[in-house]
Amino acid sequence: MRDVTDCRQIVKAKGETDETFEMKILLCKLGKKLGFEVDVEEGQESELGKLGIRHDVLWYAKPLEWVSKLFKAVLSRDDIHTEYRRLVERKANLKRYLYVAFEIEGSDVTTKAMKGDISNLSKLPCGVVVVRRGREEALKDRTIEPIRNRFEKALIEFRALHGPNNVIIVSFEDVKKLTEELGI
């Protein structure tokens, strides 16, 4: 759903848990409250065009005025390389810029799937994996595994292999705490 205006209009996906759906709604409300344009279950908009990667929740910001002016200055030059001109034109024509993308994992996933989530978010300005539970939640029920901690380990391994990125791992509880602090 592009350009969500009312987070209550988001439809629960087939097979999605209630808890995951509620987190998607909460992230939508949080993004709207913070002044972002919000997409849900969409691919990211970028100068690369359409990509096959879809994210659970995306927050976009309008381009800053100085950035638009800088693009105009670059494009006004006569000596600019043709392919570089096309690249700058694509960037300059974007109506909004991706600020953060969220992947919500409400159930257990394999380490391979974890690294896939991390990879899909790794080149973005900010990528957040939101998982259902961490060690603290798992201590309350010894029959469940602390998936957040497994994701943290997967992220450390991914960074060792592929270098730094802007991905963080948070739990549902972390997001709920933030929304409480912001009065949402």
Protein backbone atom coordinates (compact mmCIF):
# COMPACT_ATOMS: atom_id res chain seq x y z
CA MET A 1 0.00 0.00 0.00
CA ARG A 2 1.65 3.22 -1.19
CA ASP A 3 1.30 6.54 0.61
CA VAL A 4 -0.76 5.29 3.54
CA THR A 5 -2.97 8.11 4.77
CA ASP A 6 -4.86 6.14 7.42
CA CYS A 7 -3.05 3.26 9.14
CA ARG A 8 -6.41 1.65 9.92
CA GLN A 9 -6.81 0.94 6.19
CA ILE A 10 -3.94 -1.56 6.18
CA VAL A 11 -5.20 -5.05 5.47
CA LYS A 12 -3.85 -8.04 7.33
CA ALA A 13 -1.86 -10.32 5.01
CA LYS A 14 -2.84 -13.94 4.62
CA GLY A 15 -0.98 -16.04 7.19
CA GLU A 16 0.17 -12.98 9.15
CA THR A 17 -0.10 -13.28 12.93
CA ASP A 18 -2.18 -10.77 14.88
CA GLU A 19 0.92 -9.63 16.75
CA THR A 20 2.87 -8.99 13.53
CA PHE A 21 -0.08 -7.13 11.99
CA GLU A 22 -0.39 -4.96 15.11
CA MET A 23 3.35 -4.14 14.88
CA LYS A 24 2.90 -3.11 11.24
CA ILE A 25 0.06 -0.77 12.26
CA LEU A 26 2.13 0.60 15.15
CA LEU A 27 5.12 1.32 12.87
CA CYS A 28 2.78 3.03 10.42
CA LYS A 29 1.33 5.25 13.17
CA LEU A 30 4.81 5.99 14.50
CA GLY A 31 6.08 6.99 11.07
CA LYS A 32 3.06 9.22 10.42
CA LYS A 33 3.43 10.84 13.86
CA LEU A 34 7.09 11.59 13.13
CA GLY A 35 6.17 13.26 9.83
CA PHE A 36 7.18 10.57 7.35
CA GLU A 37 5.30 9.33 4.31
CA VAL A 38 4.59 5.65 4.92
CA ASP A 39 4.33 2.66 2.58
CA VAL A 40 3.36 -0.82 3.73
CA GLU A 41 4.24 -4.09 1.95
CA GLU A 42 5.86 -2.30 -0.99
CA GLY A 43 9.18 -2.21 -2.78
CA GLN A 44 11.39 0.76 -2.08
CA GLU A 45 11.38 3.77 -4.38
CA SER A 46 14.87 4.72 -5.50
CA GLU A 47 16.89 5.91 -8.47
CA LEU A 48 17.40 2.22 -9.33
CA GLY A 49 13.77 1.86 -10.34
CA LYS A 50 11.67 -1.11 -9.32
CA LEU A 51 13.44 -3.80 -7.35
CA GLY A 52 12.02 -7.18 -6.40
CA ILE A 53 12.53 -6.57 -2.68
CA ARG A 54 9.41 -5.67 -0.69
CA HIS A 55 9.58 -4.34 2.84
CA ASP A 56 6.97 -4.54 5.58
CA VAL A 57 7.01 -0.82 6.39
CA LEU A 58 8.90 2.06 4.71
CA TRP A 59 9.29 5.65 5.90
CA TYR A 60 10.07 8.40 3.36
CA ALA A 61 11.03 12.05 3.75
CA LYS A 62 10.77 14.89 1.25
CA PRO A 63 14.05 15.99 -0.33
CA LEU A 64 15.78 18.80 1.50
CA GLU A 65 15.80 22.11 -0.37
CA TRP A 66 19.60 22.38 -0.44
CA VAL A 67 19.86 18.88 -1.98
CA SER A 68 17.48 19.86 -4.80
CA LYS A 69 19.50 23.01 -5.43
CA LEU A 70 22.72 21.01 -5.50
CA PHE A 71 21.26 18.62 -8.11
CA LYS A 72 20.27 21.63 -10.25
CA ALA A 73 23.78 23.03 -9.97
CA VAL A 74 25.32 19.72 -11.05
CA LEU A 75 22.88 19.33 -13.95
CA SER A 76 23.59 22.90 -15.18
CA ARG A 77 27.19 21.97 -16.05
CA ASP A 78 28.05 21.34 -19.70
CA ASP A 79 30.96 19.01 -19.01
CA ILE A 80 29.04 16.34 -17.10
CA HIS A 81 29.44 12.73 -18.24
CA THR A 82 26.28 11.46 -19.99
CA GLU A 83 25.72 8.43 -17.76
CA TYR A 84 26.43 10.47 -14.66
CA ARG A 85 23.88 13.06 -15.84
CA ARG A 86 21.25 10.31 -16.09
CA LEU A 87 22.11 9.12 -12.58
CA VAL A 88 21.80 12.63 -11.11
CA GLU A 89 18.57 13.23 -13.06
CA ARG A 90 17.05 10.05 -11.59
CA LYS A 91 18.04 11.14 -8.10
CA ALA A 92 16.81 14.70 -8.69
CA ASN A 93 13.44 13.45 -9.96
CA LEU A 94 12.65 11.47 -6.82
CA LYS A 95 9.76 13.07 -4.95
CA ARG A 96 10.77 11.46 -1.67
CA TYR A 97 13.77 9.68 -0.21
CA LEU A 98 13.77 6.47 1.77
CA TYR A 99 14.64 7.16 5.38
CA VAL A 100 14.12 3.74 6.99
CA ALA A 101 12.82 0.31 6.03
CA PHE A 102 11.44 -2.24 8.48
CA GLU A 103 11.27 -6.02 8.26
CA ILE A 104 8.99 -7.57 10.86
CA GLU A 105 9.65 -11.16 11.93
CA GLY A 106 6.90 -12.45 14.17
CA SER A 107 7.94 -16.08 14.20
CA ASP A 108 11.07 -18.19 14.17
CA VAL A 109 13.11 -18.07 10.99
CA THR A 110 16.25 -19.84 9.86
CA THR A 111 19.64 -18.18 10.12
CA LYS A 112 19.70 -18.12 6.30
CA ALA A 113 16.41 -16.16 6.26
CA MET A 114 17.80 -13.82 8.91
CA LYS A 115 20.82 -13.04 6.77
CA GLY A 116 18.50 -12.52 3.79
CA ASP A 117 16.56 -9.89 5.76
CA ILE A 118 19.81 -8.25 6.80
CA SER A 119 21.11 -8.31 3.22
CA ASN A 120 17.92 -6.73 1.87
CA LEU A 121 18.29 -3.87 4.35
CA SER A 122 22.08 -3.53 4.35
CA LYS A 123 22.51 -0.82 1.69
CA LEU A 124 19.67 1.41 2.91
CA PRO A 125 20.11 4.58 4.96
CA CYS A 126 18.59 2.73 7.92
CA GLY A 127 17.25 -0.81 8.08
CA VAL A 128 15.44 -2.20 11.11
CA VAL A 129 14.56 -5.82 11.76
CA VAL A 130 11.77 -6.00 14.34
CA VAL A 131 11.49 -9.39 16.03
CA ARG A 132 8.95 -10.77 18.44
CA ARG A 133 11.12 -11.67 21.39
CA GLY A 134 14.53 -11.45 22.92
CA ARG A 135 16.22 -13.18 25.85
CA GLU A 136 14.06 -11.43 28.45
CA GLU A 137 10.81 -12.59 26.84
CA ALA A 138 12.18 -16.12 26.39
CA LEU A 139 13.11 -16.35 30.08
CA LYS A 140 9.41 -16.05 30.93
CA ASP A 141 8.65 -19.12 28.79
CA ARG A 142 11.56 -21.57 28.59
CA THR A 143 9.93 -23.34 25.62
CA ILE A 144 10.67 -20.46 23.21
CA GLU A 145 13.97 -19.32 21.80
CA PRO A 146 15.20 -15.72 22.01
CA ILE A 147 15.07 -14.96 18.27
CA ARG A 148 16.30 -11.37 18.70
CA ASN A 149 19.59 -12.62 20.07
CA ARG A 150 20.00 -15.05 17.14
CA PHE A 151 19.37 -12.12 14.76
CA GLU A 152 22.00 -10.07 16.58
CA LYS A 153 24.54 -12.86 16.07
CA ALA A 154 23.54 -13.17 12.40
CA LEU A 155 24.06 -9.41 11.96
CA ILE A 156 27.53 -9.58 13.54
CA GLU A 157 28.46 -12.47 11.20
CA PHE A 158 27.04 -10.58 8.19
CA ARG A 159 29.06 -7.47 9.07
CA ALA A 160 32.23 -9.56 9.45
CA LEU A 161 31.73 -10.92 5.93
CA HIS A 162 30.32 -7.87 4.13
CA GLY A 163 31.43 -4.87 6.15
CA PRO A 164 29.54 -2.18 8.03
CA ASN A 165 25.90 -1.43 7.34
CA ASN A 166 23.03 0.54 8.86
CA VAL A 167 20.95 -2.40 10.09
CA ILE A 168 19.77 -2.75 13.67
CA ILE A 169 17.79 -5.47 15.41
CA VAL A 170 15.01 -4.50 17.82
CA SER A 171 12.21 -6.35 19.56
CA PHE A 172 8.48 -5.67 19.50
CA GLU A 173 8.91 -4.48 23.10
CA ASP A 174 11.57 -1.94 22.04
CA VAL A 175 9.16 -0.41 19.50
CA LYS A 176 6.33 -0.38 22.04
CA LYS A 177 8.57 1.43 24.55
CA LEU A 178 9.45 4.05 21.92
CA THR A 179 5.81 4.66 21.02
CA GLU A 180 4.93 5.03 24.70
CA GLU A 181 7.74 7.59 25.15
CA LEU A 182 6.41 9.52 22.14
CA GLY A 183 2.79 9.30 23.30
CA ILE A 184 1.45 7.18 20.45
